Amino acid sequence: MPKRKDDLTSDIGWSTPDRITVRGLDLPTEILGEMNLGDMAFLLTMHRKPTDRESRVFNAMVVTLVEHGVTPSSMAARLTYMGAPEALQAAVAAGLSGLGTVFVGSMEGAAKMLSEALPGGGAEADLDALADRVVAGFAERGEIIPGLGHPVHKPVDPRTPRLFQIAAENDLSGPYIDLLQRIQARAEAARGKPLPINATGAIGAICCEFGFPWQIVRGFGVMARAIGLVGHLMEERENPMAFELWQRTEEEILRNSGTRTP
């Protein structure tokens, strides 16, 4: 039977009564026991298995994003779980909904900035001139440069040099990482204060080195942080803090409201 022009199709995976295939690989024999979770994510997004070097860099990148303490997203997950303990997935979703331009999602902004400044990798591009243009453009618009600065990690985000080291050791350090470092240097000079490349900035640059489209980059943060949020919910079962957060917030608001002058 000939295929119609508007037939629905997908190359990600399909199943028959005795077989499951994912991106052309047999799940039981070619994936199970052969690939880790990061490699599976790479397979689904790049449509092929990673090389050993790509696997090391990609896994380091997503592992970096799994956990970063009691952040707004983990608090949202814990509070939601307190109210709906029967729906763990809702608590995870609540936490993931907070991944935007401030937390985790800033990697998308960094990747967008770099890929638009250096489309196609631009082997012969003047990176100094590009860095000057990028910094000037953000200054004119009064916008924060994505991937720079951190409220806690100063003057260096300890994750960044390690990520860049792993990328360099595995031949994935190229013009995008170089451009981001030049942008950082010019931004620090212009603003007169430390603006470290944060982990999400580093990951945004590494994603560009891989060739991922910037529109998908935030997804790596979503998949990684989901694992971390499940860990927070496990801890919430064992050592809850959500009820205390709620009660102390209520008490402080009432206490402060009672002392205000109308």
Protein backbone atom coordinates (compact mmCIF):
# COMPACT_ATOMS: atom_id res chain seq x y z
CA MET A 1 0.00 0.00 0.00
CA PRO A 2 1.61 3.32 -1.03
CA LYS A 3 2.38 5.85 1.68
CA ARG A 4 0.21 8.94 1.68
CA LYS A 5 1.83 12.35 1.79
CA ASP A 6 0.16 13.17 5.11
CA ASP A 7 0.73 9.82 6.84
CA LEU A 8 1.78 10.08 10.48
CA THR A 9 5.29 8.82 11.12
CA SER A 10 7.97 8.73 13.83
CA ASP A 11 11.51 7.40 13.77
CA ILE A 12 12.00 7.42 17.55
CA GLY A 13 10.63 4.00 18.37
CA TRP A 14 8.11 1.32 17.56
CA SER A 15 6.97 -2.03 18.90
CA THR A 16 5.70 -5.34 17.55
CA PRO A 17 4.55 -8.34 19.62
CA ASP A 18 8.12 -9.60 19.92
CA ARG A 19 10.34 -6.58 19.33
CA ILE A 20 10.98 -3.03 20.62
CA THR A 21 13.15 -0.72 18.54
CA VAL A 22 14.50 2.70 19.58
CA ARG A 23 16.25 4.83 16.94
CA GLY A 24 16.94 1.71 14.92
CA LEU A 25 18.44 -0.25 17.83
CA ASP A 26 16.91 -3.32 19.41
CA LEU A 27 16.06 -2.35 22.99
CA PRO A 28 16.70 -5.71 24.73
CA THR A 29 19.92 -6.67 22.93
CA GLU A 30 21.56 -3.39 21.84
CA ILE A 31 20.51 -0.93 24.55
CA LEU A 32 19.71 -2.72 27.84
CA GLY A 33 22.95 -3.32 29.71
CA GLU A 34 24.90 -1.54 26.96
CA MET A 35 23.91 2.12 27.35
CA ASN A 36 23.52 4.39 30.37
CA LEU A 37 20.79 6.99 30.86
CA GLY A 38 22.86 9.85 29.44
CA ASP A 39 23.73 7.83 26.36
CA MET A 40 20.04 7.09 25.87
CA ALA A 41 19.26 10.82 26.01
CA PHE A 42 21.98 11.45 23.45
CA LEU A 43 20.58 8.71 21.20
CA LEU A 44 17.09 10.21 21.26
CA THR A 45 18.25 13.76 20.54
CA MET A 46 21.17 13.19 18.16
CA HIS A 47 19.64 10.11 16.46
CA ARG A 48 22.77 8.05 17.06
CA LYS A 49 24.82 6.52 19.85
CA PRO A 50 27.55 8.77 21.27
CA THR A 51 31.20 7.96 20.88
CA ASP A 52 33.06 7.17 24.09
CA ARG A 53 34.38 10.74 24.24
CA GLU A 54 31.00 12.27 23.53
CA SER A 55 29.49 10.05 26.22
CA ARG A 56 31.94 11.30 28.85
CA VAL A 57 31.26 14.96 28.06
CA PHE A 58 27.50 14.62 27.69
CA ASN A 59 27.12 12.60 30.89
CA ALA A 60 29.28 15.08 32.84
CA MET A 61 27.08 17.87 31.51
CA VAL A 62 23.74 16.36 32.54
CA VAL A 63 25.04 15.05 35.88
CA THR A 64 26.03 18.63 36.72
CA LEU A 65 22.39 19.66 36.42
CA VAL A 66 20.83 16.97 38.62
CA GLU A 67 21.21 18.60 42.02
CA HIS A 68 22.00 21.99 43.54
CA GLY A 69 20.42 21.95 46.99
CA VAL A 70 17.22 23.47 48.33
CA THR A 71 16.38 25.72 45.41
CA PRO A 72 13.01 27.26 44.46
CA SER A 73 12.27 24.29 42.18
CA SER A 74 12.97 21.70 44.88
CA MET A 75 10.95 23.73 47.41
CA ALA A 76 8.03 23.85 44.97
CA ALA A 77 8.25 20.08 44.53
CA ARG A 78 8.37 19.45 48.29
CA LEU A 79 5.43 21.77 49.02
CA THR A 80 3.35 20.21 46.26
CA TYR A 81 4.15 16.74 47.54
CA MET A 82 3.03 17.78 51.02
CA GLY A 83 -0.36 18.74 49.62
CA ALA A 84 -0.68 15.83 47.18
CA PRO A 85 1.45 12.91 48.39
CA GLU A 86 -0.56 10.56 46.18
CA ALA A 87 0.77 12.29 43.03
CA LEU A 88 4.57 12.24 43.01
CA GLN A 89 4.56 13.11 39.32
CA ALA A 90 2.66 16.34 40.07
CA ALA A 91 5.31 17.36 42.60
CA VAL A 92 8.10 16.70 40.09
CA ALA A 93 6.17 18.66 37.45
CA ALA A 94 5.75 21.57 39.88
CA GLY A 95 9.49 21.70 40.40
CA LEU A 96 10.24 21.46 36.69
CA SER A 97 7.84 24.31 35.94
CA GLY A 98 10.22 26.69 37.70
CA LEU A 99 13.13 26.02 35.32
CA GLY A 100 13.30 29.25 33.37
CA THR A 101 15.62 32.11 32.53
CA VAL A 102 16.91 32.36 36.12
CA PHE A 103 17.33 28.72 37.13
CA VAL A 104 18.68 25.99 34.82
CA GLY A 105 16.93 27.37 31.74
CA SER A 106 19.63 30.03 31.43
CA MET A 107 21.63 27.40 29.54
CA GLU A 108 19.16 27.91 26.70
CA GLY A 109 19.86 31.64 26.72
CA ALA A 110 23.62 31.06 26.59
CA ALA A 111 23.29 28.55 23.76
CA LYS A 112 21.03 30.92 21.81
CA MET A 113 23.42 33.82 22.29
CA LEU A 114 26.43 31.82 21.12
CA SER A 115 24.77 30.03 18.22
CA GLU A 116 23.34 33.29 16.86
CA ALA A 117 26.69 35.07 17.25
CA LEU A 118 28.57 32.23 15.59
CA PRO A 119 26.22 30.33 13.27
CA GLY A 120 27.68 27.12 11.91
CA GLY A 121 30.78 27.33 14.07
CA GLY A 122 32.37 30.13 12.00
CA ALA A 123 35.91 28.73 11.74
CA GLU A 124 37.36 32.01 10.45
CA ALA A 125 35.29 34.39 12.57
CA ASP A 126 36.92 37.22 14.51
CA LEU A 127 35.97 36.08 18.02
CA ASP A 128 37.25 39.26 19.67
CA ALA A 129 35.02 41.40 17.46
CA LEU A 130 32.06 39.09 18.05
CA ALA A 131 32.58 39.24 21.81
CA ASP A 132 32.69 43.05 21.71
CA ARG A 133 29.48 43.11 19.68
CA VAL A 134 27.66 40.70 21.98
CA VAL A 135 28.59 42.56 25.15
CA ALA A 136 27.71 45.92 23.63
CA GLY A 137 24.37 44.59 22.40
CA PHE A 138 23.32 43.32 25.81
CA ALA A 139 24.44 46.59 27.41
CA GLU A 140 22.40 48.65 24.95
CA ARG A 141 19.32 46.55 25.66
CA GLY A 142 19.90 46.66 29.40
CA GLU A 143 19.84 42.84 29.55
CA ILE A 144 21.87 40.41 31.64
CA ILE A 145 24.27 38.28 29.61
CA PRO A 146 23.09 34.68 29.98
CA GLY A 147 25.61 32.25 31.43
CA LEU A 148 27.54 34.85 33.43
CA GLY A 149 27.40 35.52 37.17
CA HIS A 150 26.21 33.52 40.15
CA PRO A 151 24.73 34.58 43.50
CA VAL A 152 26.85 32.10 45.47
CA HIS A 153 29.82 30.93 43.39
CA LYS A 154 32.28 33.83 43.17
CA PRO A 155 34.77 34.60 41.71
CA VAL A 156 34.63 31.15 40.04
CA ASP A 157 31.83 28.64 39.68
CA PRO A 158 33.73 25.44 40.58
CA ARG A 159 31.73 23.39 38.10
CA THR A 160 32.78 25.44 35.08
CA PRO A 161 36.55 24.79 34.88
CA ARG A 162 35.95 21.09 35.39
CA LEU A 163 33.35 20.97 32.61
CA PHE A 164 35.69 22.85 30.27
CA GLN A 165 38.52 20.50 31.24
CA ILE A 166 36.44 17.41 30.42
CA ALA A 167 35.38 18.97 27.11
CA ALA A 168 39.01 19.74 26.22
CA GLU A 169 40.20 16.25 27.17
CA ASN A 170 37.63 14.78 24.80
CA ASP A 171 38.09 17.07 21.79
CA LEU A 172 34.91 19.06 22.37
CA SER A 173 36.45 22.40 23.24
CA GLY A 174 36.07 24.73 20.30
CA PRO A 175 35.00 28.20 19.15
CA TYR A 176 31.83 28.42 21.26
CA ILE A 177 33.66 27.87 24.54
CA ASP A 178 36.36 30.29 23.34
CA LEU A 179 33.77 32.91 22.44
CA LEU A 180 32.01 32.62 25.80
CA GLN A 181 35.31 33.10 27.62
CA ARG A 182 36.02 36.23 25.58
CA ILE A 183 32.52 37.54 26.28
CA GLN A 184 33.13 36.99 29.99
CA ALA A 185 36.44 38.88 29.91
CA ARG A 186 34.90 41.89 28.16
CA ALA A 187 31.81 41.91 30.36
CA GLU A 188 33.94 41.87 33.52
CA ALA A 189 36.10 44.69 32.21
CA ALA A 190 33.06 46.77 31.23
CA ARG A 191 31.23 46.29 34.52
CA GLY A 192 34.20 46.25 36.86
CA LYS A 193 33.15 43.20 38.83
CA PRO A 194 33.60 39.42 38.68
CA LEU A 195 31.14 37.72 36.33
CA PRO A 196 32.09 34.05 36.41
CA ILE A 197 30.90 31.73 33.70
CA ASN A 198 28.34 29.69 35.58
CA ALA A 199 27.59 26.01 35.02
CA THR A 200 24.60 26.66 32.79
CA GLY A 201 26.68 29.03 30.66
CA ALA A 202 29.38 26.38 30.32
CA ILE A 203 26.78 23.76 29.42
CA GLY A 204 25.18 26.08 26.86
CA ALA A 205 28.58 26.48 25.18
CA ILE A 206 29.28 22.73 25.25
CA CYS A 207 25.85 22.05 23.74
CA CYS A 208 26.81 24.36 20.88
CA GLU A 209 30.05 22.39 20.43
CA PHE A 210 27.95 19.24 20.13
CA GLY A 211 25.75 20.92 17.53
CA PHE A 212 22.50 20.79 19.49
CA PRO A 213 19.95 23.41 18.39
CA TRP A 214 19.55 25.98 21.16
CA GLN A 215 15.78 25.37 21.25
CA ILE A 216 16.30 21.88 22.75
CA VAL A 217 19.04 22.73 25.25
CA ARG A 218 16.74 23.51 28.18
CA GLY A 219 15.41 19.98 27.81
CA PHE A 220 18.66 18.55 29.15
CA GLY A 221 18.16 20.56 32.32
CA VAL A 222 14.58 19.31 32.57
CA MET A 223 15.54 15.64 32.25
CA ALA A 224 18.44 15.95 34.68
CA ARG A 225 16.64 17.99 37.32
CA ALA A 226 13.71 15.53 37.29
CA ILE A 227 16.10 12.98 38.80
CA GLY A 228 17.17 15.45 41.48
CA LEU A 229 13.58 16.29 42.34
CA VAL A 230 12.72 12.63 42.85
CA GLY A 231 15.64 12.53 45.30
CA HIS A 232 14.23 15.55 47.14
CA LEU A 233 10.83 13.88 47.40
CA MET A 234 12.45 10.74 48.78
CA GLU A 235 14.13 12.90 51.42
CA GLU A 236 10.83 14.69 52.06
CA ARG A 237 9.30 11.34 52.98
CA GLU A 238 12.17 10.54 55.35
CA ASN A 239 12.95 14.00 56.73
CA PRO A 240 10.13 16.41 55.82
CA MET A 241 10.63 20.17 55.71
CA ALA A 242 7.68 21.37 53.61
CA PHE A 243 5.25 21.63 56.53
CA GLU A 244 7.81 23.59 58.55
CA LEU A 245 8.45 25.94 55.59
CA TRP A 246 4.72 26.58 55.31
CA GLN A 247 4.17 27.09 59.03
CA ARG A 248 7.17 29.37 59.54
CA THR A 249 6.17 31.49 56.54
CA GLU A 250 2.65 31.86 57.91
CA GLU A 251 3.93 32.75 61.38
CA GLU A 252 6.36 35.34 60.12
CA ILE A 253 3.79 36.98 57.85
CA LEU A 254 1.29 37.18 60.71
CA ARG A 255 3.92 38.51 63.11
CA ASN A 256 5.11 41.18 60.71
CA SER A 257 1.59 42.10 59.58
CA GLY A 258 0.59 42.72 63.18
CA THR A 259 3.37 45.27 63.68
CA ARG A 260 2.70 47.34 60.55
CA THR A 261 1.37 50.85 60.75
CA PRO A 262 -1.87 51.16 58.73
